[in-house]
């Protein structure tokens, strides 16, 4: 798999309640998107990025990180071939990403994703 970006997915009880700390105090002032249950904030100065996640809209678990790749279908096939547990099957989500969740051998759930161009 070719990884193009890794973003931490921080579990929070309420995205809107948590937003002020991360955008104000930490300076992650650029809101890339906000779907209510997940929002991504980036520093306009440094490019540092964090996603706040209160739940997942279609998957059974909240991932620890989101890993972007340029070929999510190949990454899915490789994960299956290697025998890794698929937590959420390869899916094209209504909000425009194609993704799956895989559990690393240490138990960490990872969102492997390809964003629309």
PDB file of N, CA and C in Angstrom:
ATOM      1  N   UNK A   1       0.850  -1.182   0.000  1.00  0.00           N
ATOM      2  CA  UNK A   1       0.000   0.000   0.000  1.00  0.00           C
ATOM      3  C   UNK A   1       0.890   1.237   0.000  1.00  0.00           C
ATOM      4  N   UNK A   2       0.495   2.216  -0.758  1.00  0.00           N
ATOM      5  CA  UNK A   2       1.195   3.502  -0.776  1.00  0.00           C
ATOM      6  C   UNK A   2       0.406   4.492   0.078  1.00  0.00           C
ATOM      7  N   UNK A   3       0.977   4.880   1.215  1.00  0.00           N
ATOM      8  CA  UNK A   3       0.334   5.815   2.134  1.00  0.00           C
ATOM      9  C   UNK A   3       0.649   7.235   1.683  1.00  0.00           C
ATOM     10  N   UNK A   4      -0.397   8.056   1.561  1.00  0.00           N
ATOM     11  CA  UNK A   4      -0.196   9.440   1.138  1.00  0.00           C
ATOM     12  C   UNK A   4      -0.413  10.437   2.271  1.00  0.00           C
ATOM     13  N   UNK A   5      -1.076   9.995   3.363  1.00  0.00           N
ATOM     14  CA  UNK A   5      -1.349  10.889   4.495  1.00  0.00           C
ATOM     15  C   UNK A   5      -1.857  10.061   5.658  1.00  0.00           C
ATOM     16  N   UNK A   6      -1.480  10.440   6.869  1.00  0.00           N
ATOM     17  CA  UNK A   6      -2.019   9.811   8.079  1.00  0.00           C
ATOM     18  C   UNK A   6      -2.535  10.919   8.983  1.00  0.00           C
ATOM     19  N   UNK A   7      -3.764  10.752   9.470  1.00  0.00           N
ATOM     20  CA  UNK A   7      -4.404  11.747  10.327  1.00  0.00           C
ATOM     21  C   UNK A   7      -4.886  11.054  11.597  1.00  0.00           C
ATOM     22  N   UNK A   8      -4.585  11.643  12.738  1.00  0.00           N
ATOM     23  CA  UNK A   8      -5.089  11.122  14.012  1.00  0.00           C
ATOM     24  C   UNK A   8      -6.592  11.363  14.100  1.00  0.00           C
ATOM     25  N   UNK A   9      -7.324  10.350  14.563  1.00  0.00           N
ATOM     26  CA  UNK A   9      -8.768  10.443  14.802  1.00  0.00           C
ATOM     27  C   UNK A   9      -8.971  10.467  16.308  1.00  0.00           C
ATOM     28  N   UNK A  10      -9.265  11.636  16.857  1.00  0.00           N
ATOM     29  CA  UNK A  10      -9.395  11.803  18.298  1.00  0.00           C
ATOM     30  C   UNK A  10     -10.848  11.601  18.718  1.00  0.00           C
ATOM     31  N   UNK A  11     -11.115  10.575  19.543  1.00  0.00           N
ATOM     32  CA  UNK A  11     -12.494  10.380  19.999  1.00  0.00           C
ATOM     33  C   UNK A  11     -12.899  11.468  21.001  1.00  0.00           C
ATOM     34  N   UNK A  12     -14.037  12.080  20.741  1.00  0.00           N
ATOM     35  CA  UNK A  12     -14.588  13.110  21.627  1.00  0.00           C
ATOM     36  C   UNK A  12     -16.071  12.816  21.824  1.00  0.00           C
ATOM     37  N   UNK A  13     -16.626  13.253  22.945  1.00  0.00           N
ATOM     38  CA  UNK A  13     -18.053  13.033  23.207  1.00  0.00           C
ATOM     39  C   UNK A  13     -18.916  13.882  22.276  1.00  0.00           C
ATOM     40  N   UNK A  14     -18.472  15.099  21.981  1.00  0.00           N
ATOM     41  CA  UNK A  14     -19.262  16.036  21.178  1.00  0.00           C
ATOM     42  C   UNK A  14     -18.300  16.878  20.345  1.00  0.00           C
ATOM     43  N   UNK A  15     -18.362  16.757  19.041  1.00  0.00           N
ATOM     44  CA  UNK A  15     -17.443  17.471  18.149  1.00  0.00           C
ATOM     45  C   UNK A  15     -17.571  18.978  18.341  1.00  0.00           C
ATOM     46  N   UNK A  16     -18.793  19.499  18.372  1.00  0.00           N
ATOM     47  CA  UNK A  16     -18.981  20.946  18.485  1.00  0.00           C
ATOM     48  C   UNK A  16     -18.475  21.482  19.821  1.00  0.00           C
ATOM     49  N   UNK A  17     -18.668  20.722  20.901  1.00  0.00           N
ATOM     50  CA  UNK A  17     -18.187  21.153  22.217  1.00  0.00           C
ATOM     51  C   UNK A  17     -16.664  21.158  22.278  1.00  0.00           C
ATOM     52  N   UNK A  18     -16.022  20.244  21.573  1.00  0.00           N
ATOM     53  CA  UNK A  18     -14.561  20.137  21.596  1.00  0.00           C
ATOM     54  C   UNK A  18     -13.887  21.108  20.633  1.00  0.00           C
ATOM     55  N   UNK A  19     -14.604  21.551  19.634  1.00  0.00           N
ATOM     56  CA  UNK A  19     -14.040  22.343  18.541  1.00  0.00           C
ATOM     57  C   UNK A  19     -13.256  23.571  19.006  1.00  0.00           C
ATOM     58  N   UNK A  20     -13.778  24.326  19.939  1.00  0.00           N
ATOM     59  CA  UNK A  20     -13.154  25.575  20.371  1.00  0.00           C
ATOM     60  C   UNK A  20     -11.743  25.400  20.896  1.00  0.00           C
ATOM     61  N   UNK A  21     -11.508  24.363  21.675  1.00  0.00           N
ATOM     62  CA  UNK A  21     -10.172  24.116  22.216  1.00  0.00           C
ATOM     63  C   UNK A  21      -9.173  23.877  21.087  1.00  0.00           C
ATOM     64  N   UNK A  22      -9.535  23.020  20.162  1.00  0.00           N
ATOM     65  CA  UNK A  22      -8.613  22.626  19.098  1.00  0.00           C
ATOM     66  C   UNK A  22      -8.416  23.710  18.041  1.00  0.00           C
ATOM     67  N   UNK A  23      -9.474  24.470  17.760  1.00  0.00           N
ATOM     68  CA  UNK A  23      -9.333  25.535  16.770  1.00  0.00           C
ATOM     69  C   UNK A  23      -8.763  26.807  17.395  1.00  0.00           C
ATOM     70  N   UNK A  24      -9.152  27.098  18.608  1.00  0.00           N
ATOM     71  CA  UNK A  24      -8.682  28.313  19.270  1.00  0.00           C
ATOM     72  C   UNK A  24      -7.322  28.141  19.915  1.00  0.00           C
ATOM     73  N   UNK A  25      -7.265  27.342  20.949  1.00  0.00           N
ATOM     74  CA  UNK A  25      -6.027  27.187  21.707  1.00  0.00           C
ATOM     75  C   UNK A  25      -4.907  26.549  20.884  1.00  0.00           C
ATOM     76  N   UNK A  26      -5.199  25.466  20.159  1.00  0.00           N
ATOM     77  CA  UNK A  26      -4.166  24.796  19.372  1.00  0.00           C
ATOM     78  C   UNK A  26      -3.945  25.437  17.999  1.00  0.00           C
ATOM     79  N   UNK A  27      -4.850  26.311  17.593  1.00  0.00           N
ATOM     80  CA  UNK A  27      -4.656  27.040  16.343  1.00  0.00           C
ATOM     81  C   UNK A  27      -4.992  26.269  15.079  1.00  0.00           C
ATOM     82  N   UNK A  28      -5.771  25.197  15.207  1.00  0.00           N
ATOM     83  CA  UNK A  28      -6.180  24.432  14.027  1.00  0.00           C
ATOM     84  C   UNK A  28      -7.413  25.114  13.430  1.00  0.00           C
ATOM     85  N   UNK A  29      -7.210  26.295  12.905  1.00  0.00           N
ATOM     86  CA  UNK A  29      -8.294  27.182  12.535  1.00  0.00           C
ATOM     87  C   UNK A  29      -9.010  26.905  11.235  1.00  0.00           C
ATOM     88  N   UNK A  30      -8.458  26.051  10.386  1.00  0.00           N
ATOM     89  CA  UNK A  30      -9.109  25.771   9.117  1.00  0.00           C
ATOM     90  C   UNK A  30      -9.969  24.523   9.251  1.00  0.00           C
ATOM     91  N   UNK A  31     -11.280  24.680   9.076  1.00  0.00           N
ATOM     92  CA  UNK A  31     -12.192  23.540   9.111  1.00  0.00           C
ATOM     93  C   UNK A  31     -12.295  22.976   7.696  1.00  0.00           C
ATOM     94  N   UNK A  32     -11.713  21.807   7.492  1.00  0.00           N
ATOM     95  CA  UNK A  32     -11.749  21.190   6.156  1.00  0.00           C
ATOM     96  C   UNK A  32     -13.124  20.620   5.853  1.00  0.00           C
ATOM     97  N   UNK A  33     -13.758  20.020   6.849  1.00  0.00           N
ATOM     98  CA  UNK A  33     -15.129  19.550   6.718  1.00  0.00           C
ATOM     99  C   UNK A  33     -15.693  19.290   8.100  1.00  0.00           C
ATOM    100  N   UNK A  34     -17.019  19.252   8.200  1.00  0.00           N
ATOM    101  CA  UNK A  34     -17.712  18.927   9.447  1.00  0.00           C
ATOM    102  C   UNK A  34     -18.997  18.199   9.079  1.00  0.00           C
ATOM    103  N   UNK A  35     -19.029  16.907   9.382  1.00  0.00           N
ATOM    104  CA  UNK A  35     -20.227  16.105   9.120  1.00  0.00           C
ATOM    105  C   UNK A  35     -21.079  15.917  10.374  1.00  0.00           C
ATOM    106  N   UNK A  36     -20.767  16.641  11.438  1.00  0.00           N
ATOM    107  CA  UNK A  36     -21.499  16.522  12.690  1.00  0.00           C
ATOM    108  C   UNK A  36     -20.867  15.505  13.626  1.00  0.00           C
ATOM    109  N   UNK A  37     -20.597  14.330  13.115  1.00  0.00           N
ATOM    110  CA  UNK A  37     -19.986  13.260  13.925  1.00  0.00           C
ATOM    111  C   UNK A  37     -18.478  13.178  13.729  1.00  0.00           C
ATOM    112  N   UNK A  38     -17.964  13.813  12.683  1.00  0.00           N
ATOM    113  CA  UNK A  38     -16.524  13.896  12.418  1.00  0.00           C
ATOM    114  C   UNK A  38     -16.230  15.239  11.755  1.00  0.00           C
ATOM    115  N   UNK A  39     -15.130  15.852  12.184  1.00  0.00           N
ATOM    116  CA  UNK A  39     -14.710  17.119  11.589  1.00  0.00           C
ATOM    117  C   UNK A  39     -13.186  17.147  11.551  1.00  0.00           C
ATOM    118  N   UNK A  40     -12.655  17.752  10.510  1.00  0.00           N
ATOM    119  CA  UNK A  40     -11.194  17.849  10.362  1.00  0.00           C
ATOM    120  C   UNK A  40     -10.772  19.303  10.452  1.00  0.00           C
ATOM    121  N   UNK A  41      -9.747  19.548  11.277  1.00  0.00           N
ATOM    122  CA  UNK A  41      -9.214  20.882  11.486  1.00  0.00           C
ATOM    123  C   UNK A  41      -7.715  20.875  11.201  1.00  0.00           C
ATOM    124  N   UNK A  42      -7.249  21.958  10.562  1.00  0.00           N
ATOM    125  CA  UNK A  42      -5.859  22.060  10.147  1.00  0.00           C
ATOM    126  C   UNK A  42      -5.306  23.433  10.510  1.00  0.00           C
ATOM    127  N   UNK A  43      -4.046  23.460  10.883  1.00  0.00           N
ATOM    128  CA  UNK A  43      -3.361  24.726  11.135  1.00  0.00           C
ATOM    129  C   UNK A  43      -3.070  25.391   9.797  1.00  0.00           C
ATOM    130  N   UNK A  44      -3.513  26.629   9.610  1.00  0.00           N
ATOM    131  CA  UNK A  44      -3.215  27.316   8.353  1.00  0.00           C
ATOM    132  C   UNK A  44      -1.732  27.642   8.218  1.00  0.00           C
ATOM    133  N   UNK A  45      -1.011  27.654   9.319  1.00  0.00           N
ATOM    134  CA  UNK A  45       0.414  28.001   9.296  1.00  0.00           C
ATOM    135  C   UNK A  45       1.314  26.806   9.048  1.00  0.00           C
ATOM    136  N   UNK A  46       0.971  25.649   9.646  1.00  0.00           N
ATOM    137  CA  UNK A  46       1.887  24.506   9.603  1.00  0.00           C
ATOM    138  C   UNK A  46       1.353  23.297   8.842  1.00  0.00           C
ATOM    139  N   UNK A  47       0.040  23.245   8.651  1.00  0.00           N
ATOM    140  CA  UNK A  47      -0.550  22.079   8.000  1.00  0.00           C
ATOM    141  C   UNK A  47      -0.835  20.935   8.950  1.00  0.00           C
ATOM    142  N   UNK A  48      -0.543  21.098  10.251  1.00  0.00           N
ATOM    143  CA  UNK A  48      -0.868  20.064  11.239  1.00  0.00           C
ATOM    144  C   UNK A  48      -2.373  19.818  11.215  1.00  0.00           C
ATOM    145  N   UNK A  49      -2.770  18.536  11.258  1.00  0.00           N
ATOM    146  CA  UNK A  49      -4.173  18.166  11.062  1.00  0.00           C
ATOM    147  C   UNK A  49      -4.634  17.205  12.145  1.00  0.00           C
ATOM    148  N   UNK A  50      -5.913  17.333  12.522  1.00  0.00           N
ATOM    149  CA  UNK A  50      -6.535  16.447  13.497  1.00  0.00           C
ATOM    150  C   UNK A  50      -8.001  16.277  13.137  1.00  0.00           C
ATOM    151  N   UNK A  51      -8.512  15.061  13.288  1.00  0.00           N
ATOM    152  CA  UNK A  51      -9.946  14.828  13.121  1.00  0.00           C
ATOM    153  C   UNK A  51     -10.554  14.544  14.480  1.00  0.00           C
ATOM    154  N   UNK A  52     -11.652  15.214  14.783  1.00  0.00           N
ATOM    155  CA  UNK A  52     -12.440  14.955  15.986  1.00  0.00           C
ATOM    156  C   UNK A  52     -13.581  14.029  15.580  1.00  0.00           C
ATOM    157  N   UNK A  53     -13.757  12.937  16.324  1.00  0.00           N
ATOM    158  CA  UNK A  53     -14.752  11.924  15.961  1.00  0.00           C
ATOM    159  C   UNK A  53     -15.570  11.554  17.197  1.00  0.00           C
ATOM    160  N   UNK A  54     -16.905  11.699  17.094  1.00  0.00           N
ATOM    161  CA  UNK A  54     -17.770  11.320  18.216  1.00  0.00           C
ATOM    162  C   UNK A  54     -18.353   9.914  18.048  1.00  0.00           C
ATOM    163  N   UNK A  55     -18.392   9.447  16.804  1.00  0.00           N
ATOM    164  CA  UNK A  55     -18.898   8.108  16.467  1.00  0.00           C
ATOM    165  C   UNK A  55     -18.560   7.905  14.997  1.00  0.00           C
ATOM    166  N   UNK A  56     -18.965   6.799  14.433  1.00  0.00           N
ATOM    167  CA  UNK A  56     -18.833   6.633  12.991  1.00  0.00           C
ATOM    168  C   UNK A  56     -20.221   6.414  12.415  1.00  0.00           C
ATOM    169  N   UNK A  57     -20.505   7.032  11.301  1.00  0.00           N
ATOM    170  CA  UNK A  57     -21.843   6.980  10.710  1.00  0.00           C
ATOM    171  C   UNK A  57     -22.212   5.605  10.173  1.00  0.00           C
ATOM    172  N   UNK A  58     -21.239   4.793   9.774  1.00  0.00           N
ATOM    173  CA  UNK A  58     -21.601   3.509   9.179  1.00  0.00           C
ATOM    174  C   UNK A  58     -20.784   2.324   9.685  1.00  0.00           C
ATOM    175  N   UNK A  59     -19.734   2.567  10.443  1.00  0.00           N
ATOM    176  CA  UNK A  59     -18.871   1.481  10.916  1.00  0.00           C
ATOM    177  C   UNK A  59     -19.096   1.233  12.405  1.00  0.00           C
ATOM    178  N   UNK A  60     -18.773   0.021  12.866  1.00  0.00           N
ATOM    179  CA  UNK A  60     -19.054  -0.341  14.259  1.00  0.00           C
ATOM    180  C   UNK A  60     -18.076   0.235  15.274  1.00  0.00           C
ATOM    181  N   UNK A  61     -16.933   0.772  14.852  1.00  0.00           N
ATOM    182  CA  UNK A  61     -15.937   1.296  15.770  1.00  0.00           C
ATOM    183  C   UNK A  61     -15.385   2.613  15.245  1.00  0.00           C
ATOM    184  N   UNK A  62     -14.800   3.388  16.147  1.00  0.00           N
ATOM    185  CA  UNK A  62     -14.107   4.614  15.771  1.00  0.00           C
ATOM    186  C   UNK A  62     -12.636   4.255  15.602  1.00  0.00           C
ATOM    187  N   UNK A  63     -12.043   4.587  14.456  1.00  0.00           N
ATOM    188  CA  UNK A  63     -10.637   4.259  14.238  1.00  0.00           C
ATOM    189  C   UNK A  63      -9.709   5.177  15.031  1.00  0.00           C
ATOM    190  N   UNK A  64      -8.480   4.731  15.235  1.00  0.00           N
ATOM    191  CA  UNK A  64      -7.467   5.543  15.905  1.00  0.00           C
ATOM    192  C   UNK A  64      -6.813   6.514  14.930  1.00  0.00           C
ATOM    193  N   UNK A  65      -6.650   6.063  13.682  1.00  0.00           N
ATOM    194  CA  UNK A  65      -6.051   6.901  12.649  1.00  0.00           C
ATOM    195  C   UNK A  65      -6.772   6.659  11.329  1.00  0.00           C
ATOM    196  N   UNK A  66      -6.661   7.642  10.451  1.00  0.00           N
ATOM    197  CA  UNK A  66      -7.132   7.500   9.075  1.00  0.00           C
ATOM    198  C   UNK A  66      -5.910   7.549   8.175  1.00  0.00           C
ATOM    199  N   UNK A  67      -5.780   6.546   7.338  1.00  0.00           N
ATOM    200  CA  UNK A  67      -4.645   6.422   6.430  1.00  0.00           C
ATOM    201  C   UNK A  67      -5.164   6.584   5.009  1.00  0.00           C
ATOM    202  N   UNK A  68      -4.720   7.652   4.343  1.00  0.00           N
ATOM    203  CA  UNK A  68      -5.111   7.873   2.953  1.00  0.00           C
ATOM    204  C   UNK A  68      -4.160   7.108   2.042  1.00  0.00           C
ATOM    205  N   UNK A  69      -4.733   6.545   0.984  1.00  0.00           N
ATOM    206  CA  UNK A  69      -3.956   5.821  -0.006  1.00  0.00           C
ATOM    207  C   UNK A  69      -4.509   6.144  -1.384  1.00  0.00           C
ATOM    208  N   UNK A  70      -3.698   5.955  -2.392  1.00  0.00           N
ATOM    209  CA  UNK A  70      -4.157   6.241  -3.747  1.00  0.00           C
ATOM    210  C   UNK A  70      -4.856   5.044  -4.388  1.00  0.00           C
ATOM    211  N   UNK A  71      -4.806   3.868  -3.736  1.00  0.00           N
ATOM    212  CA  UNK A  71      -5.478   2.682  -4.282  1.00  0.00           C
ATOM    213  C   UNK A  71      -6.078   1.863  -3.139  1.00  0.00           C
ATOM    214  N   UNK A  72      -7.255   2.285  -2.688  1.00  0.00           N
ATOM    215  CA  UNK A  72      -7.888   1.629  -1.547  1.00  0.00           C
ATOM    216  C   UNK A  72      -8.335   0.204  -1.880  1.00  0.00           C
ATOM    217  N   UNK A  73      -8.677  -0.054  -3.128  1.00  0.00           N
ATOM    218  CA  UNK A  73      -9.089  -1.404  -3.523  1.00  0.00           C
ATOM    219  C   UNK A  73      -7.922  -2.387  -3.394  1.00  0.00           C
ATOM    220  N   UNK A  74      -6.746  -1.969  -3.829  1.00  0.00           N
ATOM    221  CA  UNK A  74      -5.560  -2.820  -3.708  1.00  0.00           C
ATOM    222  C   UNK A  74      -5.179  -3.007  -2.238  1.00  0.00           C
ATOM    223  N   UNK A  75      -5.313  -1.946  -1.440  1.00  0.00           N
ATOM    224  CA  UNK A  75      -5.006  -2.045  -0.010  1.00  0.00           C
ATOM    225  C   UNK A  75      -5.948  -3.029   0.675  1.00  0.00           C
ATOM    226  N   UNK A  76      -7.212  -3.008   0.284  1.00  0.00           N
ATOM    227  CA  UNK A  76      -8.210  -3.937   0.838  1.00  0.00           C
ATOM    228  C   UNK A  76      -7.859  -5.382   0.475  1.00  0.00           C
ATOM    229  N   UNK A  77      -7.531  -5.613  -0.788  1.00  0.00           N
ATOM    230  CA  UNK A  77      -7.164  -6.958  -1.237  1.00  0.00           C
ATOM    231  C   UNK A  77      -5.925  -7.450  -0.493  1.00  0.00           C
ATOM    232  N   UNK A  78      -4.964  -6.567  -0.290  1.00  0.00           N
ATOM    233  CA  UNK A  78      -3.738  -6.949   0.420  1.00  0.00           C
ATOM    234  C   UNK A  78      -4.029  -7.286   1.881  1.00  0.00           C
ATOM    235  N   UNK A  79      -4.867  -6.493   2.538  1.00  0.00           N
ATOM    236  CA  UNK A  79      -5.233  -6.764   3.937  1.00  0.00           C
ATOM    237  C   UNK A  79      -5.909  -8.125   4.060  1.00  0.00           C
ATOM    238  N   UNK A  80      -6.803  -8.413   3.111  1.00  0.00           N
ATOM    239  CA  UNK A  80      -7.470  -9.726   3.121  1.00  0.00           C
ATOM    240  C   UNK A  80      -6.476 -10.850   2.883  1.00  0.00           C
ATOM    241  N   UNK A  81      -5.593 -10.674   1.913  1.00  0.00           N
ATOM    242  CA  UNK A  81      -4.597 -11.692   1.583  1.00  0.00           C
ATOM    243  C   UNK A  81      -3.686 -11.980   2.782  1.00  0.00           C
ATOM    244  N   UNK A  82      -3.358 -10.948   3.540  1.00  0.00           N
ATOM    245  CA  UNK A  82      -2.491 -11.116   4.704  1.00  0.00           C
ATOM    246  C   UNK A  82      -3.238 -11.630   5.932  1.00  0.00           C
ATOM    247  N   UNK A  83      -4.555 -11.749   5.829  1.00  0.00           N
ATOM    248  CA  UNK A  83      -5.356 -12.318   6.909  1.00  0.00           C
ATOM    249  C   UNK A  83      -5.708 -11.360   8.025  1.00  0.00           C
ATOM    250  N   UNK A  84      -5.600 -10.053   7.785  1.00  0.00           N
ATOM    251  CA  UNK A  84      -5.958  -9.081   8.812  1.00  0.00           C
ATOM    252  C   UNK A  84      -7.476  -9.002   8.953  1.00  0.00           C
ATOM    253  N   UNK A  85      -7.920  -8.733  10.172  1.00  0.00           N
ATOM    254  CA  UNK A  85      -9.355  -8.616  10.442  1.00  0.00           C
ATOM    255  C   UNK A  85      -9.908  -7.347   9.798  1.00  0.00           C
ATOM    256  N   UNK A  86     -10.935  -7.507   8.988  1.00  0.00           N
ATOM    257  CA  UNK A  86     -11.641  -6.378   8.392  1.00  0.00           C
ATOM    258  C   UNK A  86     -12.787  -6.021   9.334  1.00  0.00           C
ATOM    259  N   UNK A  87     -12.740  -4.824   9.894  1.00  0.00           N
ATOM    260  CA  UNK A  87     -13.732  -4.370  10.863  1.00  0.00           C
ATOM    261  C   UNK A  87     -14.941  -3.766  10.158  1.00  0.00           C
ATOM    262  N   UNK A  88     -14.691  -3.117   9.021  1.00  0.00           N
ATOM    263  CA  UNK A  88     -15.743  -2.487   8.205  1.00  0.00           C
ATOM    264  C   UNK A  88     -15.367  -2.762   6.756  1.00  0.00           C
ATOM    265  N   UNK A  89     -16.264  -3.357   5.970  1.00  0.00           N
ATOM    266  CA  UNK A  89     -15.902  -3.757   4.606  1.00  0.00           C
ATOM    267  C   UNK A  89     -15.658  -2.557   3.688  1.00  0.00           C
ATOM    268  N   UNK A  90     -14.995  -2.818   2.587  1.00  0.00           N
ATOM    269  CA  UNK A  90     -14.740  -1.794   1.583  1.00  0.00           C
ATOM    270  C   UNK A  90     -16.080  -1.221   1.121  1.00  0.00           C
ATOM    271  N   UNK A  91     -16.230   0.082   1.291  1.00  0.00           N
ATOM    272  CA  UNK A  91     -17.513   0.736   1.054  1.00  0.00           C
ATOM    273  C   UNK A  91     -17.291   2.110   0.440  1.00  0.00           C
ATOM    274  N   UNK A  92     -18.123   2.457  -0.523  1.00  0.00           N
ATOM    275  CA  UNK A  92     -18.170   3.833  -1.002  1.00  0.00           C
ATOM    276  C   UNK A  92     -19.252   4.524  -0.189  1.00  0.00           C
ATOM    277  N   UNK A  93     -18.832   5.462   0.652  1.00  0.00           N
ATOM    278  CA  UNK A  93     -19.750   6.106   1.595  1.00  0.00           C
ATOM    279  C   UNK A  93     -20.518   7.244   0.926  1.00  0.00           C
ATOM    280  N   UNK A  94     -21.713   7.560   1.446  1.00  0.00           N
ATOM    281  CA  UNK A  94     -22.522   8.625   0.855  1.00  0.00           C
ATOM    282  C   UNK A  94     -21.835   9.988   0.839  1.00  0.00           C
ATOM    283  N   UNK A  95     -20.870  10.213   1.739  1.00  0.00           N
ATOM    284  CA  UNK A  95     -20.180  11.502   1.785  1.00  0.00           C
ATOM    285  C   UNK A  95     -18.976  11.541   0.850  1.00  0.00           C
ATOM    286  N   UNK A  96     -18.794  10.492   0.037  1.00  0.00           N
ATOM    287  CA  UNK A  96     -17.866  10.564  -1.076  1.00  0.00           C
ATOM    288  C   UNK A  96     -16.511   9.916  -0.911  1.00  0.00           C
ATOM    289  N   UNK A  97     -16.273   9.187   0.175  1.00  0.00           N
ATOM    290  CA  UNK A  97     -14.999   8.487   0.313  1.00  0.00           C
ATOM    291  C   UNK A  97     -15.209   6.999   0.087  1.00  0.00           C
ATOM    292  N   UNK A  98     -14.152   6.327  -0.306  1.00  0.00           N
ATOM    293  CA  UNK A  98     -14.154   4.862  -0.409  1.00  0.00           C
ATOM    294  C   UNK A  98     -13.189   4.393   0.655  1.00  0.00           C
ATOM    295  N   UNK A  99     -13.640   3.491   1.541  1.00  0.00           N
ATOM    296  CA  UNK A  99     -12.827   3.137   2.695  1.00  0.00           C
ATOM    297  C   UNK A  99     -13.159   1.765   3.240  1.00  0.00           C
ATOM    298  N   UNK A 100     -12.289   1.291   4.109  1.00  0.00           N
ATOM    299  CA  UNK A 100     -12.527   0.110   4.929  1.00  0.00           C
ATOM    300  C   UNK A 100     -11.762   0.289   6.225  1.00  0.00           C
ATOM    301  N   UNK A 101     -12.141  -0.475   7.241  1.00  0.00           N
ATOM    302  CA  UNK A 101     -11.422  -0.471   8.517  1.00  0.00           C
ATOM    303  C   UNK A 101     -10.750  -1.813   8.668  1.00  0.00           C
ATOM    304  N   UNK A 102      -9.492  -1.786   9.102  1.00  0.00           N
ATOM    305  CA  UNK A 102      -8.723  -2.995   9.343  1.00  0.00           C
ATOM    306  C   UNK A 102      -8.171  -2.921  10.766  1.00  0.00           C
ATOM    307  N   UNK A 103      -8.111  -4.072  11.425  1.00  0.00           N
ATOM    308  CA  UNK A 103      -7.541  -4.118  12.764  1.00  0.00           C
ATOM    309  C   UNK A 103      -6.088  -4.568  12.661  1.00  0.00           C
ATOM    310  N   UNK A 104      -5.180  -3.745  13.169  1.00  0.00           N
ATOM    311  CA  UNK A 104      -3.762  -4.099  13.219  1.00  0.00           C
ATOM    312  C   UNK A 104      -3.574  -5.227  14.242  1.00  0.00           C
ATOM    313  N   UNK A 105      -2.504  -5.984  14.138  1.00  0.00           N
ATOM    314  CA  UNK A 105      -2.279  -7.074  15.094  1.00  0.00           C
ATOM    315  C   UNK A 105      -2.274  -6.626  16.561  1.00  0.00           C
ATOM    316  N   UNK A 106      -1.961  -5.344  16.833  1.00  0.00           N
ATOM    317  CA  UNK A 106      -1.975  -4.851  18.218  1.00  0.00           C
ATOM    318  C   UNK A 106      -3.371  -4.448  18.683  1.00  0.00           C
ATOM    319  N   UNK A 107      -4.364  -4.557  17.800  1.00  0.00           N
ATOM    320  CA  UNK A 107      -5.745  -4.229  18.150  1.00  0.00           C
ATOM    321  C   UNK A 107      -6.211  -2.870  17.671  1.00  0.00           C
ATOM    322  N   UNK A 108      -5.318  -2.042  17.183  1.00  0.00           N
ATOM    323  CA  UNK A 108      -5.673  -0.704  16.715  1.00  0.00           C
ATOM    324  C   UNK A 108      -6.516  -0.786  15.446  1.00  0.00           C
ATOM    325  N   UNK A 109      -7.633  -0.046  15.433  1.00  0.00           N
ATOM    326  CA  UNK A 109      -8.494   0.008  14.254  1.00  0.00           C
ATOM    327  C   UNK A 109      -8.057   1.185  13.385  1.00  0.00           C
ATOM    328  N   UNK A 110      -7.847   0.894  12.102  1.00  0.00           N
ATOM    329  CA  UNK A 110      -7.353   1.876  11.144  1.00  0.00           C
ATOM    330  C   UNK A 110      -8.350   2.041  10.008  1.00  0.00           C
ATOM    331  N   UNK A 111      -8.688   3.277   9.712  1.00  0.00           N
ATOM    332  CA  UNK A 111      -9.539   3.640   8.586  1.00  0.00           C
ATOM    333  C   UNK A 111      -8.623   3.836   7.375  1.00  0.00           C
ATOM    334  N   UNK A 112      -8.719   2.959   6.386  1.00  0.00           N
ATOM    335  CA  UNK A 112      -7.933   3.095   5.161  1.00  0.00           C
ATOM    336  C   UNK A 112      -8.877   3.700   4.126  1.00  0.00           C
ATOM    337  N   UNK A 113      -8.492   4.843   3.558  1.00  0.00           N
ATOM    338  CA  UNK A 113      -9.443   5.647   2.809  1.00  0.00           C
ATOM    339  C   UNK A 113      -8.833   6.251   1.551  1.00  0.00           C
ATOM    340  N   UNK A 114      -9.676   6.409   0.569  1.00  0.00           N
ATOM    341  CA  UNK A 114      -9.342   7.163  -0.652  1.00  0.00           C
ATOM    342  C   UNK A 114     -10.421   8.221  -0.795  1.00  0.00           C
ATOM    343  N   UNK A 115      -9.993   9.471  -0.762  1.00  0.00           N
ATOM    344  CA  UNK A 115     -10.937  10.578  -0.931  1.00  0.00           C
ATOM    345  C   UNK A 115     -11.182  10.820  -2.403  1.00  0.00           C
ATOM    346  N   UNK A 116     -12.358  11.288  -2.709  1.00  0.00           N
ATOM    347  CA  UNK A 116     -12.652  11.613  -4.119  1.00  0.00           C
ATOM    348  C   UNK A 116     -11.733  12.737  -4.549  1.00  0.00           C
ATOM    349  N   UNK A 117     -11.455  12.758  -5.812  1.00  0.00           N
ATOM    350  CA  UNK A 117     -10.526  13.774  -6.338  1.00  0.00           C
ATOM    351  C   UNK A 117     -11.207  15.103  -6.501  1.00  0.00           C
TER     352      UNK A 117
END
